C-alpha atoms as a PDB file:
ATOM      1  CA  UNK A   1     243.209  32.464  13.394  1.00  0.00           C
ATOM      2  CA  UNK A   2     243.078  32.643   9.361  1.00  0.00           C
ATOM      3  CA  UNK A   3     239.921  33.647   7.843  1.00  0.00           C
ATOM      4  CA  UNK A   4     238.703  31.746   4.873  1.00  0.00           C
ATOM      5  CA  UNK A   5     239.092  34.609   2.519  1.00  0.00           C
ATOM      6  CA  UNK A   6     242.755  34.319   3.073  1.00  0.00           C
ATOM      7  CA  UNK A   7     244.880  31.843   1.117  1.00  0.00           C
ATOM      8  CA  UNK A   8     246.515  29.270   2.798  1.00  0.00           C
ATOM      9  CA  UNK A   9     250.046  29.447   3.564  1.00  0.00           C
ATOM     10  CA  UNK A  10     252.242  27.851   0.691  1.00  0.00           C
ATOM     11  CA  UNK A  11     254.303  25.141   1.623  1.00  0.00           C
ATOM     12  CA  UNK A  12     256.875  26.779  -0.392  1.00  0.00           C
ATOM     13  CA  UNK A  13     257.157  29.842   1.921  1.00  0.00           C
ATOM     14  CA  UNK A  14     257.183  27.748   5.076  1.00  0.00           C
ATOM     15  CA  UNK A  15     259.659  25.048   3.909  1.00  0.00           C
ATOM     16  CA  UNK A  16     262.936  25.354   5.697  1.00  0.00           C
ATOM     17  CA  UNK A  17     266.066  25.715   3.234  1.00  0.00           C
ATOM     18  CA  UNK A  18     268.358  23.259   4.825  1.00  0.00           C
ATOM     19  CA  UNK A  19     268.724  20.036   2.867  1.00  0.00           C
ATOM     20  CA  UNK A  20     271.034  17.595   4.482  1.00  0.00           C
ATOM     21  CA  UNK A  21     272.390  14.498   2.749  1.00  0.00           C
ATOM     22  CA  UNK A  22     272.458  11.578   4.901  1.00  0.00           C
ATOM     23  CA  UNK A  23     273.568   8.271   4.002  1.00  0.00           C
ATOM     24  CA  UNK A  24     272.472   8.984   0.245  1.00  0.00           C
ATOM     25  CA  UNK A  25     269.389  10.310   1.255  1.00  0.00           C
ATOM     26  CA  UNK A  26     267.991  13.902   1.123  1.00  0.00           C
ATOM     27  CA  UNK A  27     266.005  14.817   4.221  1.00  0.00           C
ATOM     28  CA  UNK A  28     264.166  18.247   4.153  1.00  0.00           C
ATOM     29  CA  UNK A  29     263.093  19.620   7.486  1.00  0.00           C
ATOM     30  CA  UNK A  30     259.663  21.100   7.544  1.00  0.00           C
ATOM     31  CA  UNK A  31     259.210  24.361   9.143  1.00  0.00           C
ATOM     32  CA  UNK A  32     257.625  24.053  12.626  1.00  0.00           C
ATOM     33  CA  UNK A  33     254.615  26.695  11.518  1.00  0.00           C
ATOM     34  CA  UNK A  34     253.943  24.209   8.780  1.00  0.00           C
ATOM     35  CA  UNK A  35     253.903  21.422  11.152  1.00  0.00           C
ATOM     36  CA  UNK A  36     251.551  23.330  13.186  1.00  0.00           C
ATOM     37  CA  UNK A  37     249.152  23.973  10.286  1.00  0.00           C
ATOM     38  CA  UNK A  38     249.109  20.345   9.305  1.00  0.00           C
ATOM     39  CA  UNK A  39     248.248  19.192  13.086  1.00  0.00           C
ATOM     40  CA  UNK A  40     245.620  21.988  13.526  1.00  0.00           C
ATOM     41  CA  UNK A  41     243.799  21.309  10.021  1.00  0.00           C
ATOM     42  CA  UNK A  42     243.831  17.489  10.768  1.00  0.00           C
ATOM     43  CA  UNK A  43     242.966  17.471  14.368  1.00  0.00           C
ATOM     44  CA  UNK A  44     240.884  20.641  15.012  1.00  0.00           C
ATOM     45  CA  UNK A  45     239.352  21.408  11.725  1.00  0.00           C
ATOM     46  CA  UNK A  46     239.279  17.552  11.007  1.00  0.00           C
ATOM     47  CA  UNK A  47     240.418  18.022   7.207  1.00  0.00           C
ATOM     48  CA  UNK A  48     241.598  14.799   5.516  1.00  0.00           C
ATOM     49  CA  UNK A  49     245.056  14.100   4.724  1.00  0.00           C
ATOM     50  CA  UNK A  50     244.482  14.863   0.921  1.00  0.00           C
ATOM     51  CA  UNK A  51     242.886  18.095   1.490  1.00  0.00           C
ATOM     52  CA  UNK A  52     245.612  19.495   3.656  1.00  0.00           C
ATOM     53  CA  UNK A  53     248.097  18.604   1.353  1.00  0.00           C
ATOM     54  CA  UNK A  54     246.146  20.251  -1.678  1.00  0.00           C
ATOM     55  CA  UNK A  55     245.672  23.421   0.539  1.00  0.00           C
ATOM     56  CA  UNK A  56     249.269  23.749   1.749  1.00  0.00           C
ATOM     57  CA  UNK A  57     250.827  22.459  -1.704  1.00  0.00           C
ATOM     58  CA  UNK A  58     252.636  19.456  -0.030  1.00  0.00           C
ATOM     59  CA  UNK A  59     252.681  15.946  -0.669  1.00  0.00           C
ATOM     60  CA  UNK A  60     250.499  13.566   1.070  1.00  0.00           C
ATOM     61  CA  UNK A  61     253.266  11.461   2.581  1.00  0.00           C
ATOM     62  CA  UNK A  62     254.826  14.562   3.952  1.00  0.00           C
ATOM     63  CA  UNK A  63     251.478  15.088   5.962  1.00  0.00           C
ATOM     64  CA  UNK A  64     251.243  11.564   7.039  1.00  0.00           C
ATOM     65  CA  UNK A  65     255.047  11.827   8.211  1.00  0.00           C
ATOM     66  CA  UNK A  66     253.974  14.916  10.366  1.00  0.00           C
ATOM     67  CA  UNK A  67     251.028  13.215  11.728  1.00  0.00           C
ATOM     68  CA  UNK A  68     253.032   9.965  12.679  1.00  0.00           C
ATOM     69  CA  UNK A  69     255.793  11.957  14.286  1.00  0.00           C
ATOM     70  CA  UNK A  70     253.370  13.801  16.196  1.00  0.00           C
ATOM     71  CA  UNK A  71     252.388  10.590  18.188  1.00  0.00           C
ATOM     72  CA  UNK A  72     248.751  11.523  18.431  1.00  0.00           C
ATOM     73  CA  UNK A  73     245.878   9.217  17.837  1.00  0.00           C
ATOM     74  CA  UNK A  74     244.624   8.820  14.281  1.00  0.00           C
ATOM     75  CA  UNK A  75     241.027  10.211  13.500  1.00  0.00           C
ATOM     76  CA  UNK A  76     238.810   7.404  12.234  1.00  0.00           C
ATOM     77  CA  UNK A  77     235.314   7.384  10.950  1.00  0.00           C
ATOM     78  CA  UNK A  78     232.695   7.639  13.631  1.00  0.00           C
ATOM     79  CA  UNK A  79     231.192   4.359  14.458  1.00  0.00           C
ATOM     80  CA  UNK A  80     227.461   4.367  13.459  1.00  0.00           C
ATOM     81  CA  UNK A  81     225.117   1.819  15.036  1.00  0.00           C
ATOM     82  CA  UNK A  82     223.512  -0.942  12.752  1.00  0.00           C
ATOM     83  CA  UNK A  83     219.979  -2.065  12.465  1.00  0.00           C
ATOM     84  CA  UNK A  84     221.458  -5.414  13.681  1.00  0.00           C
ATOM     85  CA  UNK A  85     222.549  -4.088  16.918  1.00  0.00           C
ATOM     86  CA  UNK A  86     219.380  -4.811  18.728  1.00  0.00           C
ATOM     87  CA  UNK A  87     219.480  -8.490  17.525  1.00  0.00           C
ATOM     88  CA  UNK A  88     222.734  -9.454  18.368  1.00  0.00           C
ATOM     89  CA  UNK A  89     222.102 -11.011  21.517  1.00  0.00           C
ATOM     90  CA  UNK A  90     219.609 -13.365  20.045  1.00  0.00           C
ATOM     91  CA  UNK A  91     222.040 -13.909  17.016  1.00  0.00           C
ATOM     92  CA  UNK A  92     225.065 -14.778  19.439  1.00  0.00           C
ATOM     93  CA  UNK A  93     222.725 -17.131  21.481  1.00  0.00           C
ATOM     94  CA  UNK A  94     221.426 -18.757  18.550  1.00  0.00           C
ATOM     95  CA  UNK A  95     224.581 -19.370  16.653  1.00  0.00           C
ATOM     96  CA  UNK A  96     226.254 -20.800  19.806  1.00  0.00           C
ATOM     97  CA  UNK A  97     223.471 -23.212  20.171  1.00  0.00           C
ATOM     98  CA  UNK A  98     223.407 -24.176  16.401  1.00  0.00           C
ATOM     99  CA  UNK A  99     226.898 -23.105  14.866  1.00  0.00           C
ATOM    100  CA  UNK A 100     226.008 -24.454  11.465  1.00  0.00           C
ATOM    101  CA  UNK A 101     222.656 -22.835  11.170  1.00  0.00           C
ATOM    102  CA  UNK A 102     222.655 -20.719   7.652  1.00  0.00           C
ATOM    103  CA  UNK A 103     222.559 -17.145   7.738  1.00  0.00           C
ATOM    104  CA  UNK A 104     219.688 -17.454   5.306  1.00  0.00           C
ATOM    105  CA  UNK A 105     217.605 -19.287   7.962  1.00  0.00           C
ATOM    106  CA  UNK A 106     219.000 -16.904  10.567  1.00  0.00           C
ATOM    107  CA  UNK A 107     217.808 -14.120   8.506  1.00  0.00           C
ATOM    108  CA  UNK A 108     214.201 -15.478   8.492  1.00  0.00           C
ATOM    109  CA  UNK A 109     214.107 -15.959  12.195  1.00  0.00           C
ATOM    110  CA  UNK A 110     215.354 -12.315  13.028  1.00  0.00           C
ATOM    111  CA  UNK A 111     213.036 -11.006  10.319  1.00  0.00           C
ATOM    112  CA  UNK A 112     209.871 -12.385  12.195  1.00  0.00           C
ATOM    113  CA  UNK A 113     211.197 -10.575  15.342  1.00  0.00           C
ATOM    114  CA  UNK A 114     211.212  -7.187  13.451  1.00  0.00           C
ATOM    115  CA  UNK A 115     214.428  -6.966  11.587  1.00  0.00           C
ATOM    116  CA  UNK A 116     213.895  -4.381   8.512  1.00  0.00           C
ATOM    117  CA  UNK A 117     217.168  -4.718   6.667  1.00  0.00           C
ATOM    118  CA  UNK A 118     218.147  -6.694   3.537  1.00  0.00           C
ATOM    119  CA  UNK A 119     219.272 -10.223   3.285  1.00  0.00           C
ATOM    120  CA  UNK A 120     222.729  -9.741   1.436  1.00  0.00           C
ATOM    121  CA  UNK A 121     223.997  -7.107   4.011  1.00  0.00           C
ATOM    122  CA  UNK A 122     222.622  -9.262   6.889  1.00  0.00           C
ATOM    123  CA  UNK A 123     224.536 -12.400   5.563  1.00  0.00           C
ATOM    124  CA  UNK A 124     227.601 -10.119   5.402  1.00  0.00           C
ATOM    125  CA  UNK A 125     227.328  -9.179   9.048  1.00  0.00           C
ATOM    126  CA  UNK A 126     226.510 -12.621  10.128  1.00  0.00           C
ATOM    127  CA  UNK A 127     229.763 -13.726   8.535  1.00  0.00           C
ATOM    128  CA  UNK A 128     231.725 -11.411  10.909  1.00  0.00           C
ATOM    129  CA  UNK A 129     229.996 -12.504  14.169  1.00  0.00           C
ATOM    130  CA  UNK A 130     229.935 -16.274  13.513  1.00  0.00           C
ATOM    131  CA  UNK A 131     232.115 -18.223  15.741  1.00  0.00           C
ATOM    132  CA  UNK A 132     235.315 -19.441  14.054  1.00  0.00           C
ATOM    133  CA  UNK A 133     236.824 -22.993  14.590  1.00  0.00           C
ATOM    134  CA  UNK A 134     239.620 -23.540  16.765  1.00  0.00           C
ATOM    135  CA  UNK A 135     242.935 -23.534  14.859  1.00  0.00           C
ATOM    136  CA  UNK A 136     244.699 -26.928  14.730  1.00  0.00           C
ATOM    137  CA  UNK A 137     248.447 -27.594  14.886  1.00  0.00           C
ATOM    138  CA  UNK A 138     249.706 -30.156  12.240  1.00  0.00           C
ATOM    139  CA  UNK A 139     252.891 -31.623  11.705  1.00  0.00           C
ATOM    140  CA  UNK A 140     254.222 -30.714   8.071  1.00  0.00           C
ATOM    141  CA  UNK A 141     255.502 -33.728   6.192  1.00  0.00           C
ATOM    142  CA  UNK A 142     258.732 -33.312   5.009  1.00  0.00           C
ATOM    143  CA  UNK A 143     260.360 -35.756   2.296  1.00  0.00           C
ATOM    144  CA  UNK A 144     263.784 -35.941   0.782  1.00  0.00           C
ATOM    145  CA  UNK A 145     264.122 -36.112  -2.776  1.00  0.00           C
ATOM    146  CA  UNK A 146     263.356 -39.610  -4.068  1.00  0.00           C
ATOM    147  CA  UNK A 147     261.567 -40.703  -0.804  1.00  0.00           C
END
C-alpha cells in the first residue's frame, strides 16, 4: 500500500508502449497495474473519477472506460432519508382519493401533522409522487398533399 507522502505513479510510467492501428483508429493499451490503481482508488478509496484522472495523469474518459470494462457496479451517492418520508403514506392515500388536490393544499394538511420543511421543496417532491394519467393510444392523421 502506498503512503500519502509518496507521489502517485504517473500514467506515463504505467502506460504500455504498444499502439496498434485498427481500422483507422488508434488503440492504446493500459498497463494492468494502472487499471488496478484506478479500480482500487474508485472502489476502495471511493475517489471520484476526476480525482483519479488528475492523480494518475490520465484522461477522465480513460478512467470511465476502465471502470466500465471492469463490469463492477457503479458507486452512487448514498440515499439520504427525507423529512417527507414519514408523511408519504398519508400523501399517497390522500392523492389516491383526491388526485387533483393541489400541492399547496396538501402542504397545509401535512404541515398540520407536524411537517417542518419548506413549501417549495415540498411541491417539488409531491410532483415526483403524484400519480400520472394513463397514456392513451391515438391514431395519427396522415393526409396526402392537396387533401
